[in-house]
N, C-alpha and C. Protein backbone atom coordinates (compact mmCIF):
# COMPACT_ATOMS: atom_id res chain seq x y z
N MET A 1 1.47 4.99 -25.33
CA MET A 1 1.48 6.18 -24.52
C MET A 1 2.07 7.31 -25.35
N SER A 2 1.47 8.47 -25.25
CA SER A 2 1.97 9.60 -26.01
C SER A 2 3.22 10.17 -25.36
N ASN A 3 3.96 10.97 -26.10
CA ASN A 3 5.16 11.60 -25.56
C ASN A 3 4.81 12.53 -24.41
N THR A 4 3.68 13.21 -24.50
CA THR A 4 3.26 14.11 -23.42
C THR A 4 3.03 13.34 -22.14
N ALA A 5 2.34 12.22 -22.23
CA ALA A 5 2.08 11.41 -21.04
C ALA A 5 3.37 10.86 -20.46
N ALA A 6 4.28 10.43 -21.30
CA ALA A 6 5.56 9.89 -20.83
C ALA A 6 6.36 10.98 -20.14
N ALA A 7 6.36 12.18 -20.68
CA ALA A 7 7.10 13.28 -20.07
C ALA A 7 6.50 13.64 -18.72
N THR A 8 5.19 13.68 -18.62
CA THR A 8 4.53 14.01 -17.36
C THR A 8 4.84 12.97 -16.30
N THR A 9 4.80 11.69 -16.66
CA THR A 9 5.08 10.62 -15.72
C THR A 9 6.51 10.70 -15.20
N SER A 10 7.47 10.96 -16.07
CA SER A 10 8.86 10.98 -15.64
C SER A 10 9.18 12.21 -14.79
N GLU A 11 8.36 13.25 -14.86
CA GLU A 11 8.59 14.46 -14.08
C GLU A 11 7.95 14.41 -12.70
N MET A 12 7.15 13.40 -12.44
CA MET A 12 6.48 13.30 -11.15
C MET A 12 7.50 12.97 -10.06
N PRO A 13 7.42 13.64 -8.91
CA PRO A 13 8.36 13.32 -7.82
C PRO A 13 8.05 11.96 -7.22
N THR A 14 9.06 11.31 -6.70
CA THR A 14 8.87 10.03 -6.03
C THR A 14 8.29 10.28 -4.65
N ILE A 15 7.26 9.53 -4.32
CA ILE A 15 6.59 9.65 -3.02
C ILE A 15 7.23 8.66 -2.07
N GLN A 16 7.80 9.15 -0.97
CA GLN A 16 8.43 8.27 -0.01
C GLN A 16 7.38 7.79 0.99
N VAL A 17 7.39 6.48 1.21
CA VAL A 17 6.45 5.87 2.15
C VAL A 17 7.25 5.04 3.15
N THR A 18 6.64 4.77 4.30
CA THR A 18 7.28 3.96 5.33
C THR A 18 6.41 2.73 5.60
N THR A 19 6.88 1.87 6.46
CA THR A 19 6.12 0.66 6.79
C THR A 19 4.76 1.00 7.40
N LYS A 20 4.63 2.20 7.99
CA LYS A 20 3.33 2.62 8.54
C LYS A 20 2.28 2.80 7.44
N ASP A 21 2.74 3.00 6.20
CA ASP A 21 1.83 3.20 5.07
C ASP A 21 1.41 1.89 4.40
N LEU A 22 1.95 0.76 4.89
CA LEU A 22 1.62 -0.53 4.28
C LEU A 22 0.33 -1.07 4.84
N PRO A 23 -0.47 -1.77 4.10
CA PRO A 23 -0.27 -2.05 2.67
C PRO A 23 -0.46 -0.77 1.85
N LEU A 24 0.41 -0.60 0.88
CA LEU A 24 0.42 0.61 0.06
C LEU A 24 -0.65 0.52 -1.01
N SER A 25 -1.46 1.56 -1.08
CA SER A 25 -2.45 1.64 -2.14
C SER A 25 -2.33 2.98 -2.84
N CYS A 26 -2.69 3.00 -4.08
CA CYS A 26 -2.71 4.24 -4.85
C CYS A 26 -4.10 4.40 -5.42
N PRO A 27 -4.69 5.57 -5.26
CA PRO A 27 -4.20 6.69 -4.48
C PRO A 27 -4.22 6.37 -2.99
N MET A 28 -3.35 7.05 -2.25
CA MET A 28 -3.28 6.84 -0.81
C MET A 28 -4.51 7.45 -0.16
N PRO A 29 -4.94 6.92 0.98
CA PRO A 29 -6.18 7.40 1.62
C PRO A 29 -6.24 8.89 1.87
N GLY A 30 -5.15 9.55 2.22
CA GLY A 30 -5.18 10.97 2.53
C GLY A 30 -4.97 11.88 1.33
N ALA A 31 -4.83 11.31 0.15
CA ALA A 31 -4.57 12.11 -1.04
C ALA A 31 -5.78 12.97 -1.39
N PRO A 32 -5.55 14.21 -1.81
CA PRO A 32 -6.68 15.09 -2.14
C PRO A 32 -7.48 14.59 -3.34
N VAL A 33 -6.90 13.77 -4.16
CA VAL A 33 -7.59 13.21 -5.33
C VAL A 33 -7.73 11.69 -5.15
N TRP A 34 -8.17 11.29 -3.95
CA TRP A 34 -8.23 9.88 -3.61
C TRP A 34 -9.14 9.07 -4.51
N ASN A 35 -10.03 9.71 -5.23
CA ASN A 35 -10.96 8.96 -6.09
C ASN A 35 -10.65 9.14 -7.57
N MET A 36 -9.41 9.45 -7.93
CA MET A 36 -9.08 9.72 -9.33
C MET A 36 -9.03 8.45 -10.18
N HIS A 37 -8.80 7.31 -9.59
CA HIS A 37 -8.83 6.04 -10.32
C HIS A 37 -9.11 4.93 -9.31
N PRO A 38 -9.41 3.74 -9.78
CA PRO A 38 -9.67 2.64 -8.83
C PRO A 38 -8.47 2.41 -7.92
N ARG A 39 -8.73 2.08 -6.68
CA ARG A 39 -7.64 1.80 -5.75
C ARG A 39 -6.92 0.53 -6.20
N VAL A 40 -5.61 0.62 -6.22
CA VAL A 40 -4.78 -0.52 -6.57
C VAL A 40 -3.73 -0.67 -5.47
N TYR A 41 -3.53 -1.90 -5.03
CA TYR A 41 -2.53 -2.17 -3.99
C TYR A 41 -1.21 -2.52 -4.66
N LEU A 42 -0.14 -1.90 -4.16
CA LEU A 42 1.19 -2.07 -4.73
C LEU A 42 2.06 -2.83 -3.73
N PRO A 43 2.51 -4.04 -4.05
CA PRO A 43 3.32 -4.83 -3.13
C PRO A 43 4.77 -4.35 -3.09
N ILE A 44 4.97 -3.12 -2.68
CA ILE A 44 6.29 -2.48 -2.70
C ILE A 44 7.31 -3.21 -1.84
N GLU A 45 6.85 -3.80 -0.74
CA GLU A 45 7.78 -4.50 0.16
C GLU A 45 8.38 -5.75 -0.48
N ASP A 46 7.76 -6.26 -1.54
CA ASP A 46 8.26 -7.44 -2.24
C ASP A 46 9.21 -7.09 -3.38
N GLU A 47 9.31 -5.81 -3.72
CA GLU A 47 10.18 -5.38 -4.82
C GLU A 47 11.63 -5.31 -4.35
N ALA A 48 12.54 -5.78 -5.19
CA ALA A 48 13.96 -5.79 -4.84
C ALA A 48 14.50 -4.39 -4.56
N ASP A 49 14.05 -3.40 -5.33
CA ASP A 49 14.54 -2.03 -5.15
C ASP A 49 13.66 -1.20 -4.23
N GLN A 50 12.63 -1.84 -3.64
CA GLN A 50 11.70 -1.18 -2.72
C GLN A 50 11.01 0.02 -3.38
N GLU A 51 10.78 -0.06 -4.69
CA GLU A 51 10.08 0.98 -5.43
C GLU A 51 8.94 0.36 -6.22
N SER A 52 7.91 1.17 -6.47
CA SER A 52 6.77 0.69 -7.23
C SER A 52 6.14 1.87 -7.96
N VAL A 53 5.51 1.57 -9.10
CA VAL A 53 4.85 2.59 -9.92
C VAL A 53 3.40 2.19 -10.11
N CYS A 54 2.49 3.13 -9.90
CA CYS A 54 1.07 2.87 -10.09
C CYS A 54 0.79 2.67 -11.57
N PRO A 55 0.12 1.58 -11.94
CA PRO A 55 -0.18 1.33 -13.34
C PRO A 55 -1.24 2.28 -13.91
N TYR A 56 -2.01 2.95 -13.06
CA TYR A 56 -3.05 3.86 -13.54
C TYR A 56 -2.52 5.27 -13.77
N CYS A 57 -1.87 5.84 -12.76
CA CYS A 57 -1.48 7.25 -12.85
C CYS A 57 0.01 7.49 -12.97
N GLY A 58 0.82 6.44 -12.78
CA GLY A 58 2.26 6.58 -12.92
C GLY A 58 2.94 7.13 -11.68
N ALA A 59 2.22 7.28 -10.57
CA ALA A 59 2.84 7.76 -9.34
C ALA A 59 3.94 6.79 -8.93
N ARG A 60 5.08 7.35 -8.54
CA ARG A 60 6.23 6.54 -8.15
C ARG A 60 6.35 6.56 -6.63
N TYR A 61 6.52 5.38 -6.05
CA TYR A 61 6.64 5.25 -4.60
C TYR A 61 7.97 4.58 -4.26
N ARG A 62 8.55 5.01 -3.14
CA ARG A 62 9.79 4.39 -2.64
C ARG A 62 9.61 4.13 -1.16
N LEU A 63 9.90 2.90 -0.74
CA LEU A 63 9.81 2.51 0.65
C LEU A 63 11.12 2.89 1.34
N VAL A 64 11.03 3.71 2.38
CA VAL A 64 12.20 4.15 3.12
C VAL A 64 12.09 3.69 4.56
N ASP A 65 13.22 3.68 5.26
CA ASP A 65 13.22 3.30 6.67
C ASP A 65 12.48 4.35 7.48
N ASP A 66 11.76 3.88 8.50
CA ASP A 66 11.06 4.86 9.33
C ASP A 66 11.79 5.13 10.59
C-alpha cells in the first residue's frame, strides 16, 4: 500500500453502527456509493473490540449500543 493510501485510510472517520444495521455489510445499503466495490459482510459482533475495517475500501466501523 502506498503512503497516500495509508494516509487516506487513517483519516477516514469511524462509522458508528447499531444492532439494527446487522448483518453489517460494506458498502452499507444506503450509502451513496453502494456499488463502489463488491459487498463484503463484516462480522463486527464477533470482534472483541466491536470494530471492523473493510478490506476493500478501509472504512472503519464501530458497533455501539442502540
